[in-house]
Amino acid sequence: MKTLTINPQFVKDETGQDLGVFLTKADFDKLLEELEDYEDIKAYDRAKSRTNEEFIPYEQAVEEIKKSRLK
């Protein structure tokens, strides 16, 4: 796994307190991509931890979707 490298610039008030962070567009895009990958991993982990009782057959799911669209 590669390490994410970004170069944030902190925006401070007149007393030196941090107010915010400035990122380049490229750094922001990298951060968003990493966040999306992390969300995918979390979703995979949740799905993998489910038991078979929590799933319905594919055909049943398709039928339920079709019925809900007709309403």
N, C-alpha and C. Protein backbone atom coordinates (compact mmCIF):
# COMPACT_ATOMS: atom_id res chain seq x y z
N MET A 1 0.84 -1.18 0.00
CA MET A 1 0.00 0.00 0.00
C MET A 1 0.89 1.24 0.00
N LYS A 2 0.57 2.18 -0.88
CA LYS A 2 1.37 3.41 -0.94
C LYS A 2 0.90 4.41 0.10
N THR A 3 1.78 5.26 0.50
CA THR A 3 1.46 6.31 1.46
C THR A 3 0.99 7.54 0.72
N LEU A 4 -0.08 8.13 1.20
CA LEU A 4 -0.61 9.34 0.59
C LEU A 4 0.25 10.52 1.03
N THR A 5 0.73 11.27 0.06
CA THR A 5 1.54 12.45 0.36
C THR A 5 0.80 13.67 -0.14
N ILE A 6 0.44 14.54 0.80
CA ILE A 6 -0.18 15.81 0.44
C ILE A 6 0.57 16.92 1.17
N ASN A 7 0.41 18.12 0.69
CA ASN A 7 1.11 19.27 1.28
C ASN A 7 0.11 20.33 1.69
N PRO A 8 -0.53 20.15 2.85
CA PRO A 8 -1.52 21.15 3.27
C PRO A 8 -0.85 22.45 3.71
N GLN A 9 -1.54 23.54 3.49
CA GLN A 9 -1.11 24.84 4.00
C GLN A 9 -2.18 25.30 4.97
N PHE A 10 -1.79 25.63 6.19
CA PHE A 10 -2.74 26.00 7.22
C PHE A 10 -3.00 27.50 7.19
N VAL A 11 -4.26 27.85 7.29
CA VAL A 11 -4.68 29.24 7.34
C VAL A 11 -4.87 29.58 8.81
N LYS A 12 -4.20 30.63 9.28
CA LYS A 12 -4.24 31.00 10.69
C LYS A 12 -4.84 32.40 10.87
N ASP A 13 -5.39 32.63 12.05
CA ASP A 13 -5.86 33.97 12.35
C ASP A 13 -4.72 34.82 12.90
N GLU A 14 -5.01 36.04 13.30
CA GLU A 14 -3.96 36.95 13.76
C GLU A 14 -3.28 36.49 15.05
N THR A 15 -3.91 35.56 15.79
CA THR A 15 -3.28 35.05 17.02
C THR A 15 -2.51 33.75 16.77
N GLY A 16 -2.52 33.27 15.53
CA GLY A 16 -1.80 32.04 15.21
C GLY A 16 -2.64 30.77 15.32
N GLN A 17 -3.92 30.91 15.63
CA GLN A 17 -4.80 29.75 15.72
C GLN A 17 -5.17 29.27 14.32
N ASP A 18 -5.18 27.94 14.14
CA ASP A 18 -5.56 27.37 12.85
C ASP A 18 -7.03 27.64 12.56
N LEU A 19 -7.30 28.16 11.37
CA LEU A 19 -8.67 28.40 10.93
C LEU A 19 -9.12 27.39 9.89
N GLY A 20 -8.19 26.94 9.08
CA GLY A 20 -8.54 26.04 8.00
C GLY A 20 -7.30 25.50 7.32
N VAL A 21 -7.56 24.76 6.25
CA VAL A 21 -6.49 24.13 5.50
C VAL A 21 -6.70 24.41 4.02
N PHE A 22 -5.64 24.74 3.35
CA PHE A 22 -5.66 24.93 1.90
C PHE A 22 -4.94 23.76 1.27
N LEU A 23 -5.59 23.13 0.29
CA LEU A 23 -4.98 22.04 -0.47
C LEU A 23 -4.99 22.41 -1.94
N THR A 24 -3.98 21.97 -2.66
CA THR A 24 -4.02 22.13 -4.11
C THR A 24 -5.13 21.23 -4.65
N LYS A 25 -5.59 21.51 -5.85
CA LYS A 25 -6.62 20.67 -6.48
C LYS A 25 -6.12 19.24 -6.61
N ALA A 26 -4.86 19.06 -6.96
CA ALA A 26 -4.29 17.72 -7.12
C ALA A 26 -4.30 16.98 -5.78
N ASP A 27 -3.90 17.66 -4.70
CA ASP A 27 -3.92 17.02 -3.38
C ASP A 27 -5.35 16.70 -2.95
N PHE A 28 -6.27 17.61 -3.21
CA PHE A 28 -7.67 17.38 -2.87
C PHE A 28 -8.20 16.16 -3.62
N ASP A 29 -7.90 16.05 -4.91
CA ASP A 29 -8.33 14.90 -5.71
C ASP A 29 -7.75 13.60 -5.17
N LYS A 30 -6.46 13.62 -4.78
CA LYS A 30 -5.84 12.42 -4.20
C LYS A 30 -6.54 12.03 -2.91
N LEU A 31 -6.84 13.01 -2.10
CA LEU A 31 -7.51 12.75 -0.82
C LEU A 31 -8.90 12.15 -1.04
N LEU A 32 -9.65 12.69 -2.00
CA LEU A 32 -10.96 12.14 -2.32
C LEU A 32 -10.86 10.71 -2.83
N GLU A 33 -9.88 10.43 -3.66
CA GLU A 33 -9.69 9.08 -4.19
C GLU A 33 -9.39 8.10 -3.06
N GLU A 34 -8.54 8.50 -2.14
CA GLU A 34 -8.22 7.65 -0.99
C GLU A 34 -9.46 7.41 -0.14
N LEU A 35 -10.26 8.44 0.06
CA LEU A 35 -11.48 8.31 0.85
C LEU A 35 -12.46 7.34 0.18
N GLU A 36 -12.60 7.45 -1.14
CA GLU A 36 -13.47 6.53 -1.86
C GLU A 36 -12.98 5.09 -1.76
N ASP A 37 -11.67 4.90 -1.85
CA ASP A 37 -11.11 3.55 -1.69
C ASP A 37 -11.40 3.01 -0.29
N TYR A 38 -11.25 3.86 0.70
CA TYR A 38 -11.52 3.46 2.09
C TYR A 38 -12.99 3.07 2.26
N GLU A 39 -13.90 3.85 1.67
CA GLU A 39 -15.32 3.53 1.76
C GLU A 39 -15.61 2.20 1.08
N ASP A 40 -14.96 1.92 -0.05
CA ASP A 40 -15.13 0.64 -0.73
C ASP A 40 -14.68 -0.52 0.16
N ILE A 41 -13.56 -0.33 0.83
CA ILE A 41 -13.04 -1.37 1.72
C ILE A 41 -14.01 -1.61 2.87
N LYS A 42 -14.53 -0.53 3.45
CA LYS A 42 -15.50 -0.68 4.55
C LYS A 42 -16.75 -1.42 4.07
N ALA A 43 -17.25 -1.09 2.88
CA ALA A 43 -18.44 -1.76 2.35
C ALA A 43 -18.16 -3.23 2.11
N TYR A 44 -17.00 -3.54 1.58
CA TYR A 44 -16.61 -4.94 1.36
C TYR A 44 -16.56 -5.70 2.68
N ASP A 45 -15.94 -5.10 3.69
CA ASP A 45 -15.83 -5.75 5.00
C ASP A 45 -17.22 -5.99 5.60
N ARG A 46 -18.12 -5.02 5.46
CA ARG A 46 -19.49 -5.20 5.98
C ARG A 46 -20.19 -6.34 5.25
N ALA A 47 -20.06 -6.36 3.93
CA ALA A 47 -20.72 -7.40 3.15
C ALA A 47 -20.15 -8.78 3.48
N LYS A 48 -18.86 -8.85 3.65
CA LYS A 48 -18.22 -10.13 3.92
C LYS A 48 -18.61 -10.68 5.30
N SER A 49 -18.93 -9.79 6.24
CA SER A 49 -19.25 -10.24 7.59
C SER A 49 -20.72 -10.66 7.74
N ARG A 50 -21.53 -10.46 6.72
CA ARG A 50 -22.94 -10.86 6.79
C ARG A 50 -23.07 -12.38 6.74
N THR A 51 -24.16 -12.85 7.31
CA THR A 51 -24.45 -14.28 7.24
C THR A 51 -25.36 -14.54 6.05
N ASN A 52 -25.46 -15.78 5.65
CA ASN A 52 -26.31 -16.14 4.50
C ASN A 52 -27.77 -15.80 4.73
N GLU A 53 -28.22 -15.76 5.99
CA GLU A 53 -29.61 -15.45 6.27
C GLU A 53 -29.96 -14.01 5.91
N GLU A 54 -28.98 -13.14 5.78
CA GLU A 54 -29.23 -11.73 5.49
C GLU A 54 -29.37 -11.45 3.99
N PHE A 55 -29.13 -12.43 3.15
CA PHE A 55 -29.17 -12.24 1.71
C PHE A 55 -30.44 -12.85 1.13
N ILE A 56 -30.89 -12.27 0.02
CA ILE A 56 -32.00 -12.87 -0.71
C ILE A 56 -31.46 -13.28 -2.08
N PRO A 57 -32.08 -14.28 -2.70
CA PRO A 57 -31.61 -14.71 -4.03
C PRO A 57 -31.73 -13.58 -5.05
N TYR A 58 -30.84 -13.59 -6.02
CA TYR A 58 -30.78 -12.56 -7.05
C TYR A 58 -32.13 -12.41 -7.76
N GLU A 59 -32.72 -13.53 -8.16
CA GLU A 59 -33.99 -13.50 -8.89
C GLU A 59 -35.08 -12.81 -8.06
N GLN A 60 -35.10 -13.09 -6.76
CA GLN A 60 -36.08 -12.47 -5.88
C GLN A 60 -35.84 -10.97 -5.80
N ALA A 61 -34.60 -10.56 -5.72
CA ALA A 61 -34.28 -9.13 -5.65
C ALA A 61 -34.73 -8.42 -6.92
N VAL A 62 -34.49 -9.03 -8.08
CA VAL A 62 -34.89 -8.42 -9.35
C VAL A 62 -36.41 -8.27 -9.40
N GLU A 63 -37.12 -9.30 -8.97
CA GLU A 63 -38.58 -9.22 -8.97
C GLU A 63 -39.09 -8.12 -8.04
N GLU A 64 -38.48 -7.99 -6.88
CA GLU A 64 -38.90 -6.94 -5.94
C GLU A 64 -38.63 -5.55 -6.51
N ILE A 65 -37.52 -5.40 -7.21
CA ILE A 65 -37.20 -4.10 -7.84
C ILE A 65 -38.21 -3.79 -8.93
N LYS A 66 -38.54 -4.80 -9.77
CA LYS A 66 -39.52 -4.59 -10.84
C LYS A 66 -40.87 -4.18 -10.26
N LYS A 67 -41.31 -4.86 -9.21
CA LYS A 67 -42.61 -4.54 -8.59
C LYS A 67 -42.60 -3.13 -8.02
N SER A 68 -41.49 -2.72 -7.41
CA SER A 68 -41.44 -1.38 -6.82
C SER A 68 -41.46 -0.29 -7.89
N ARG A 69 -40.98 -0.58 -9.07
CA ARG A 69 -40.99 0.41 -10.17
C ARG A 69 -42.37 0.57 -10.77
N LEU A 70 -43.22 -0.43 -10.64
CA LEU A 70 -44.56 -0.37 -11.20
C LEU A 70 -45.51 0.46 -10.34
N LYS A 71 -45.14 0.73 -9.13
CA LYS A 71 -46.02 1.49 -8.22
C LYS A 71 -46.06 2.95 -8.57
